[in-house]
PDB file of N, CA and C in Angstrom:
ATOM      1  N   MET A   1      67.734 155.424 136.656  1.00  0.00           N
ATOM      2  CA  MET A   1      69.076 155.900 137.078  1.00  0.00           C
ATOM      3  C   MET A   1      69.484 155.775 138.948  1.00  0.00           C
ATOM      4  N   LEU A   2      69.951 155.387 139.461  1.00  0.00           N
ATOM      5  CA  LEU A   2      70.548 155.182 140.532  1.00  0.00           C
ATOM      6  C   LEU A   2      71.316 155.997 141.270  1.00  0.00           C
ATOM      7  N   ALA A   3      71.302 156.435 142.482  1.00  0.00           N
ATOM      8  CA  ALA A   3      72.565 157.049 143.202  1.00  0.00           C
ATOM      9  C   ALA A   3      72.836 156.224 144.553  1.00  0.00           C
ATOM     10  N   VAL A   4      73.914 156.057 144.924  1.00  0.00           N
ATOM     11  CA  VAL A   4      74.400 155.145 146.005  1.00  0.00           C
ATOM     12  C   VAL A   4      75.562 155.928 146.541  1.00  0.00           C
ATOM     13  N   ARG A   5      75.220 156.116 147.979  1.00  0.00           N
ATOM     14  CA  ARG A   5      76.413 156.553 148.840  1.00  0.00           C
ATOM     15  C   ARG A   5      76.927 155.536 149.320  1.00  0.00           C
ATOM     16  N   LEU A   6      78.508 155.662 148.986  1.00  0.00           N
ATOM     17  CA  LEU A   6      79.654 154.327 149.819  1.00  0.00           C
ATOM     18  C   LEU A   6      79.938 155.195 150.584  1.00  0.00           C
ATOM     19  N   PRO A   7      80.705 154.321 151.543  1.00  0.00           N
ATOM     20  CA  PRO A   7      81.663 154.923 152.619  1.00  0.00           C
ATOM     21  C   PRO A   7      82.707 155.126 152.079  1.00  0.00           C
ATOM     22  N   GLN A   8      84.220 156.072 152.329  1.00  0.00           N
ATOM     23  CA  GLN A   8      84.723 156.601 151.696  1.00  0.00           C
ATOM     24  C   GLN A   8      86.092 155.690 151.437  1.00  0.00           C
ATOM     25  N   GLU A   9      86.070 154.579 152.212  1.00  0.00           N
ATOM     26  CA  GLU A   9      87.089 153.258 151.992  1.00  0.00           C
ATOM     27  C   GLU A   9      86.499 152.798 150.781  1.00  0.00           C
ATOM     28  N   ILE A  10      85.438 152.157 150.708  1.00  0.00           N
ATOM     29  CA  ILE A  10      84.563 151.560 149.613  1.00  0.00           C
ATOM     30  C   ILE A  10      84.988 152.293 148.335  1.00  0.00           C
ATOM     31  N   GLU A  11      84.396 153.185 148.223  1.00  0.00           N
ATOM     32  CA  GLU A  11      84.986 154.552 147.401  1.00  0.00           C
ATOM     33  C   GLU A  11      86.157 154.439 147.031  1.00  0.00           C
ATOM     34  N   ALA A  12      86.914 154.552 147.608  1.00  0.00           N
ATOM     35  CA  ALA A  12      88.361 154.971 147.433  1.00  0.00           C
ATOM     36  C   ALA A  12      89.343 153.404 146.430  1.00  0.00           C
ATOM     37  N   ARG A  13      88.372 152.184 146.697  1.00  0.00           N
ATOM     38  CA  ARG A  13      88.781 150.934 146.675  1.00  0.00           C
ATOM     39  C   ARG A  13      88.464 150.795 145.041  1.00  0.00           C
ATOM     40  N   LEU A  14      87.099 151.294 144.953  1.00  0.00           N
ATOM     41  CA  LEU A  14      86.977 151.412 143.707  1.00  0.00           C
ATOM     42  C   LEU A  14      87.424 152.296 142.662  1.00  0.00           C
ATOM     43  N   ASP A  15      87.470 153.515 143.213  1.00  0.00           N
ATOM     44  CA  ASP A  15      88.668 154.370 142.101  1.00  0.00           C
ATOM     45  C   ASP A  15      89.480 153.787 142.147  1.00  0.00           C
ATOM     46  N   PHE A  16      90.415 153.281 142.819  1.00  0.00           N
ATOM     47  CA  PHE A  16      91.972 152.885 142.336  1.00  0.00           C
ATOM     48  C   PHE A  16      91.712 151.386 141.629  1.00  0.00           C
ATOM     49  N   LEU A  17      90.785 150.516 141.537  1.00  0.00           N
ATOM     50  CA  LEU A  17      90.286 149.572 140.732  1.00  0.00           C
ATOM     51  C   LEU A  17      90.254 149.937 139.454  1.00  0.00           C
ATOM     52  N   ALA A  18      89.045 151.001 139.327  1.00  0.00           N
ATOM     53  CA  ALA A  18      88.665 151.566 137.996  1.00  0.00           C
ATOM     54  C   ALA A  18      89.897 152.164 137.078  1.00  0.00           C
ATOM     55  N   LYS A  19      90.911 153.148 137.997  1.00  0.00           N
ATOM     56  CA  LYS A  19      92.145 153.481 137.512  1.00  0.00           C
ATOM     57  C   LYS A  19      92.963 152.251 136.686  1.00  0.00           C
ATOM     58  N   LYS A  20      93.378 151.704 138.057  1.00  0.00           N
ATOM     59  CA  LYS A  20      94.332 150.967 137.342  1.00  0.00           C
ATOM     60  C   LYS A  20      93.456 149.682 135.990  1.00  0.00           C
ATOM     61  N   THR A  21      92.375 149.414 135.810  1.00  0.00           N
ATOM     62  CA  THR A  21      92.004 148.358 135.000  1.00  0.00           C
ATOM     63  C   THR A  21      91.102 149.447 133.644  1.00  0.00           C
ATOM     64  N   GLY A  22      91.300 150.695 133.755  1.00  0.00           N
ATOM     65  CA  GLY A  22      90.709 151.169 132.310  1.00  0.00           C
ATOM     66  C   GLY A  22      89.046 151.060 132.955  1.00  0.00           C
ATOM     67  N   ARG A  23      88.457 150.945 133.463  1.00  0.00           N
ATOM     68  CA  ARG A  23      87.255 150.604 133.601  1.00  0.00           C
ATOM     69  C   ARG A  23      86.331 151.778 134.582  1.00  0.00           C
ATOM     70  N   THR A  24      85.084 151.793 134.403  1.00  0.00           N
ATOM     71  CA  THR A  24      84.716 153.100 135.630  1.00  0.00           C
ATOM     72  C   THR A  24      83.975 151.983 136.451  1.00  0.00           C
ATOM     73  N   LYS A  25      83.608 152.884 137.724  1.00  0.00           N
ATOM     74  CA  LYS A  25      83.831 152.843 138.727  1.00  0.00           C
ATOM     75  C   LYS A  25      81.962 152.389 138.654  1.00  0.00           C
ATOM     76  N   THR A  26      81.461 152.675 137.779  1.00  0.00           N
ATOM     77  CA  THR A  26      80.353 152.157 137.615  1.00  0.00           C
ATOM     78  C   THR A  26      79.794 150.683 137.165  1.00  0.00           C
ATOM     79  N   PHE A  27      80.815 150.636 135.979  1.00  0.00           N
ATOM     80  CA  PHE A  27      81.240 149.602 135.951  1.00  0.00           C
ATOM     81  C   PHE A  27      80.952 148.250 136.818  1.00  0.00           C
ATOM     82  N   TYR A  28      82.097 148.366 137.875  1.00  0.00           N
ATOM     83  CA  TYR A  28      81.946 147.811 139.065  1.00  0.00           C
ATOM     84  C   TYR A  28      81.104 147.494 139.851  1.00  0.00           C
ATOM     85  N   VAL A  29      80.466 148.221 140.014  1.00  0.00           N
ATOM     86  CA  VAL A  29      79.285 148.477 141.202  1.00  0.00           C
ATOM     87  C   VAL A  29      78.179 147.796 139.672  1.00  0.00           C
ATOM     88  N   ARG A  30      77.904 147.877 139.182  1.00  0.00           N
ATOM     89  CA  ARG A  30      76.652 147.253 138.056  1.00  0.00           C
ATOM     90  C   ARG A  30      77.420 145.919 138.286  1.00  0.00           C
ATOM     91  N   GLU A  31      78.600 145.410 137.994  1.00  0.00           N
ATOM     92  CA  GLU A  31      79.050 143.958 138.284  1.00  0.00           C
ATOM     93  C   GLU A  31      79.000 143.195 139.579  1.00  0.00           C
ATOM     94  N   ALA A  32      78.937 144.150 140.603  1.00  0.00           N
ATOM     95  CA  ALA A  32      78.651 143.781 142.128  1.00  0.00           C
ATOM     96  C   ALA A  32      77.237 143.218 142.107  1.00  0.00           C
ATOM     97  N   VAL A  33      76.386 144.054 141.675  1.00  0.00           N
ATOM     98  CA  VAL A  33      75.199 144.155 142.093  1.00  0.00           C
ATOM     99  C   VAL A  33      74.626 142.857 141.104  1.00  0.00           C
ATOM    100  N   LEU A  34      75.175 142.418 139.542  1.00  0.00           N
ATOM    101  CA  LEU A  34      74.185 141.645 139.397  1.00  0.00           C
ATOM    102  C   LEU A  34      75.098 140.144 139.596  1.00  0.00           C
ATOM    103  N   GLU A  35      75.985 140.252 140.014  1.00  0.00           N
ATOM    104  CA  GLU A  35      76.893 138.977 140.595  1.00  0.00           C
ATOM    105  C   GLU A  35      75.704 138.518 141.933  1.00  0.00           C
ATOM    106  N   HIS A  36      75.241 139.635 143.062  1.00  0.00           N
ATOM    107  CA  HIS A  36      74.882 139.139 144.287  1.00  0.00           C
ATOM    108  C   HIS A  36      73.463 139.189 144.316  1.00  0.00           C
ATOM    109  N   LEU A  37      72.716 139.920 143.127  1.00  0.00           N
ATOM    110  CA  LEU A  37      71.265 140.371 143.549  1.00  0.00           C
ATOM    111  C   LEU A  37      70.479 139.096 143.994  1.00  0.00           C
ATOM    112  N   GLU A  38      70.997 138.184 143.088  1.00  0.00           N
ATOM    113  CA  GLU A  38      69.786 136.769 143.508  1.00  0.00           C
ATOM    114  C   GLU A  38      70.284 136.286 144.699  1.00  0.00           C
ATOM    115  N   GLU A  39      71.294 136.006 144.997  1.00  0.00           N
ATOM    116  CA  GLU A  39      71.590 135.793 146.422  1.00  0.00           C
ATOM    117  C   GLU A  39      70.971 136.441 147.336  1.00  0.00           C
ATOM    118  N   LEU A  40      70.523 137.972 147.279  1.00  0.00           N
ATOM    119  CA  LEU A  40      69.863 138.992 148.291  1.00  0.00           C
ATOM    120  C   LEU A  40      68.408 138.371 147.749  1.00  0.00           C
ATOM    121  N   GLU A  41      68.088 138.514 146.562  1.00  0.00           N
ATOM    122  CA  GLU A  41      66.598 138.088 146.864  1.00  0.00           C
ATOM    123  C   GLU A  41      65.800 136.931 147.022  1.00  0.00           C
ATOM    124  N   ASP A  42      67.201 136.129 146.857  1.00  0.00           N
ATOM    125  CA  ASP A  42      66.553 134.742 148.045  1.00  0.00           C
ATOM    126  C   ASP A  42      66.425 134.835 149.545  1.00  0.00           C
ATOM    127  N   TYR A  43      67.674 135.333 149.898  1.00  0.00           N
ATOM    128  CA  TYR A  43      67.556 135.961 151.502  1.00  0.00           C
ATOM    129  C   TYR A  43      66.511 136.662 151.971  1.00  0.00           C
ATOM    130  N   TYR A  44      66.152 137.749 151.570  1.00  0.00           N
ATOM    131  CA  TYR A  44      65.318 138.667 151.830  1.00  0.00           C
ATOM    132  C   TYR A  44      63.704 138.327 151.867  1.00  0.00           C
ATOM    133  N   LEU A  45      63.657 137.552 150.563  1.00  0.00           N
ATOM    134  CA  LEU A  45      62.080 137.470 150.194  1.00  0.00           C
ATOM    135  C   LEU A  45      61.960 136.323 151.286  1.00  0.00           C
ATOM    136  N   ALA A  46      62.818 135.371 151.232  1.00  0.00           N
ATOM    137  CA  ALA A  46      62.595 134.648 152.507  1.00  0.00           C
ATOM    138  C   ALA A  46      62.431 134.469 153.737  1.00  0.00           C
ATOM    139  N   ALA A  47      63.263 135.779 154.149  1.00  0.00           N
ATOM    140  CA  ALA A  47      62.951 136.226 155.273  1.00  0.00           C
ATOM    141  C   ALA A  47      61.367 136.936 155.668  1.00  0.00           C
ATOM    142  N   SER A  48      61.438 137.724 154.363  1.00  0.00           N
ATOM    143  CA  SER A  48      60.153 138.074 154.701  1.00  0.00           C
ATOM    144  C   SER A  48      58.712 136.672 154.703  1.00  0.00           C
ATOM    145  N   ARG A  49      59.131 136.020 153.850  1.00  0.00           N
ATOM    146  CA  ARG A  49      58.160 134.863 154.074  1.00  0.00           C
ATOM    147  C   ARG A  49      57.694 134.665 155.592  1.00  0.00           C
ATOM    148  N   SER A  50      59.166 134.496 155.978  1.00  0.00           N
ATOM    149  CA  SER A  50      59.017 133.890 157.368  1.00  0.00           C
ATOM    150  C   SER A  50      58.380 134.848 158.391  1.00  0.00           C
ATOM    151  N   GLU A  51      58.698 135.537 158.075  1.00  0.00           N
ATOM    152  CA  GLU A  51      58.111 136.617 159.227  1.00  0.00           C
ATOM    153  C   GLU A  51      56.629 136.721 159.089  1.00  0.00           C
ATOM    154  N   LYS A  52      56.327 136.111 157.663  1.00  0.00           N
ATOM    155  CA  LYS A  52      54.744 136.414 157.820  1.00  0.00           C
ATOM    156  C   LYS A  52      53.875 135.075 158.480  1.00  0.00           C
ATOM    157  N   ASN A  53      54.973 134.428 159.306  1.00  0.00           N
ATOM    158  CA  ASN A  53      54.527 133.045 159.561  1.00  0.00           C
ATOM    159  C   ASN A  53      53.659 132.479 158.496  1.00  0.00           C
ATOM    160  N   LEU A  54      54.291 132.091 157.149  1.00  0.00           N
ATOM    161  CA  LEU A  54      53.374 131.213 156.349  1.00  0.00           C
ATOM    162  C   LEU A  54      53.656 129.628 156.887  1.00  0.00           C
ATOM    163  N   PRO A  55      52.555 128.959 156.396  1.00  0.00           N
ATOM    164  CA  PRO A  55      52.930 127.275 157.014  1.00  0.00           C
ATOM    165  C   PRO A  55      54.110 126.908 156.068  1.00  0.00           C
ATOM    166  N   GLY A  56      54.637 126.137 156.768  1.00  0.00           N
ATOM    167  CA  GLY A  56      56.219 125.543 156.502  1.00  0.00           C
ATOM    168  C   GLY A  56      55.253 124.353 155.569  1.00  0.00           C
ATOM    169  N   ILE A  57      56.353 123.413 154.961  1.00  0.00           N
ATOM    170  CA  ILE A  57      56.252 122.409 153.921  1.00  0.00           C
ATOM    171  C   ILE A  57      56.805 121.568 154.712  1.00  0.00           C
ATOM    172  N   PRO A  58      56.944 120.331 154.668  1.00  0.00           N
ATOM    173  CA  PRO A  58      57.683 119.229 155.723  1.00  0.00           C
ATOM    174  C   PRO A  58      58.534 119.054 154.150  1.00  0.00           C
ATOM    175  N   LEU A  59      59.872 118.516 155.095  1.00  0.00           N
ATOM    176  CA  LEU A  59      60.812 117.976 153.522  1.00  0.00           C
ATOM    177  C   LEU A  59      60.421 116.919 153.151  1.00  0.00           C
ATOM    178  N   GLU A  60      59.778 116.154 153.475  1.00  0.00           N
ATOM    179  CA  GLU A  60      59.210 114.777 152.668  1.00  0.00           C
ATOM    180  C   GLU A  60      57.750 115.318 151.838  1.00  0.00           C
ATOM    181  N   GLU A  61      57.593 116.243 151.915  1.00  0.00           N
ATOM    182  CA  GLU A  61      56.125 116.541 151.044  1.00  0.00           C
ATOM    183  C   GLU A  61      57.029 117.157 150.383  1.00  0.00           C
ATOM    184  N   VAL A  62      58.089 118.052 150.179  1.00  0.00           N
ATOM    185  CA  VAL A  62      58.843 118.847 149.085  1.00  0.00           C
ATOM    186  C   VAL A  62      59.518 117.847 148.326  1.00  0.00           C
ATOM    187  N   GLU A  63      59.979 116.712 148.885  1.00  0.00           N
ATOM    188  CA  GLU A  63      60.920 115.756 148.359  1.00  0.00           C
ATOM    189  C   GLU A  63      59.857 114.929 147.171  1.00  0.00           C
ATOM    190  N   ARG A  64      58.955 115.117 147.710  1.00  0.00           N
ATOM    191  CA  ARG A  64      57.359 113.858 146.844  1.00  0.00           C
ATOM    192  C   ARG A  64      57.411 114.768 145.785  1.00  0.00           C
ATOM    193  N   ARG A  65      57.178 116.236 146.096  1.00  0.00           N
ATOM    194  CA  ARG A  65      56.731 116.935 144.777  1.00  0.00           C
ATOM    195  C   ARG A  65      57.752 117.103 143.967  1.00  0.00           C
ATOM    196  N   LEU A  66      58.928 117.233 144.078  1.00  0.00           N
ATOM    197  CA  LEU A  66      59.811 117.073 142.983  1.00  0.00           C
ATOM    198  C   LEU A  66      60.333 115.984 142.750  1.00  0.00           C
ATOM    199  N   ASP A  67      59.732 115.057 143.222  1.00  0.00           N
ATOM    200  CA  ASP A  67      60.213 113.210 142.724  1.00  0.00           C
ATOM    201  C   ASP A  67      61.473 112.823 143.324  1.00  0.00           C
ATOM    202  N   LEU A  68      61.350 113.540 144.647  1.00  0.00           N
ATOM    203  CA  LEU A  68      63.298 113.425 144.710  1.00  0.00           C
ATOM    204  C   LEU A  68      62.887 111.687 145.615  1.00  0.00           C
ATOM    205  N   ALA A  69      61.889 111.720 146.340  1.00  0.00           N
ATOM    206  CA  ALA A  69      61.880 110.460 147.284  1.00  0.00           C
ATOM    207  C   ALA A  69      62.455 109.272 146.621  1.00  0.00           C
ATOM    208  N   ASP A  70      62.716 108.265 147.896  1.00  0.00           N
ATOM    209  CA  ASP A  70      63.518 107.266 147.934  1.00  0.00           C
ATOM    210  C   ASP A  70      62.205 106.142 146.989  1.00  0.00           C
TER     211      ASP A  70
END
């Protein structure tokens, strides 16, 4: 279970969409989370790693490991 506080404008937009389509606001919030969660994970996990100043891997090494080198 999760409770989310949204700005009134967003709440109103969700309410309008739900009424016009016959679906629930919960349906659309779930859809939005599922649609964007992977992008958020990628961004914030990368930012977290970056903040830890872990050593990077040169592009040439990545290409070699993935067998992408010419």
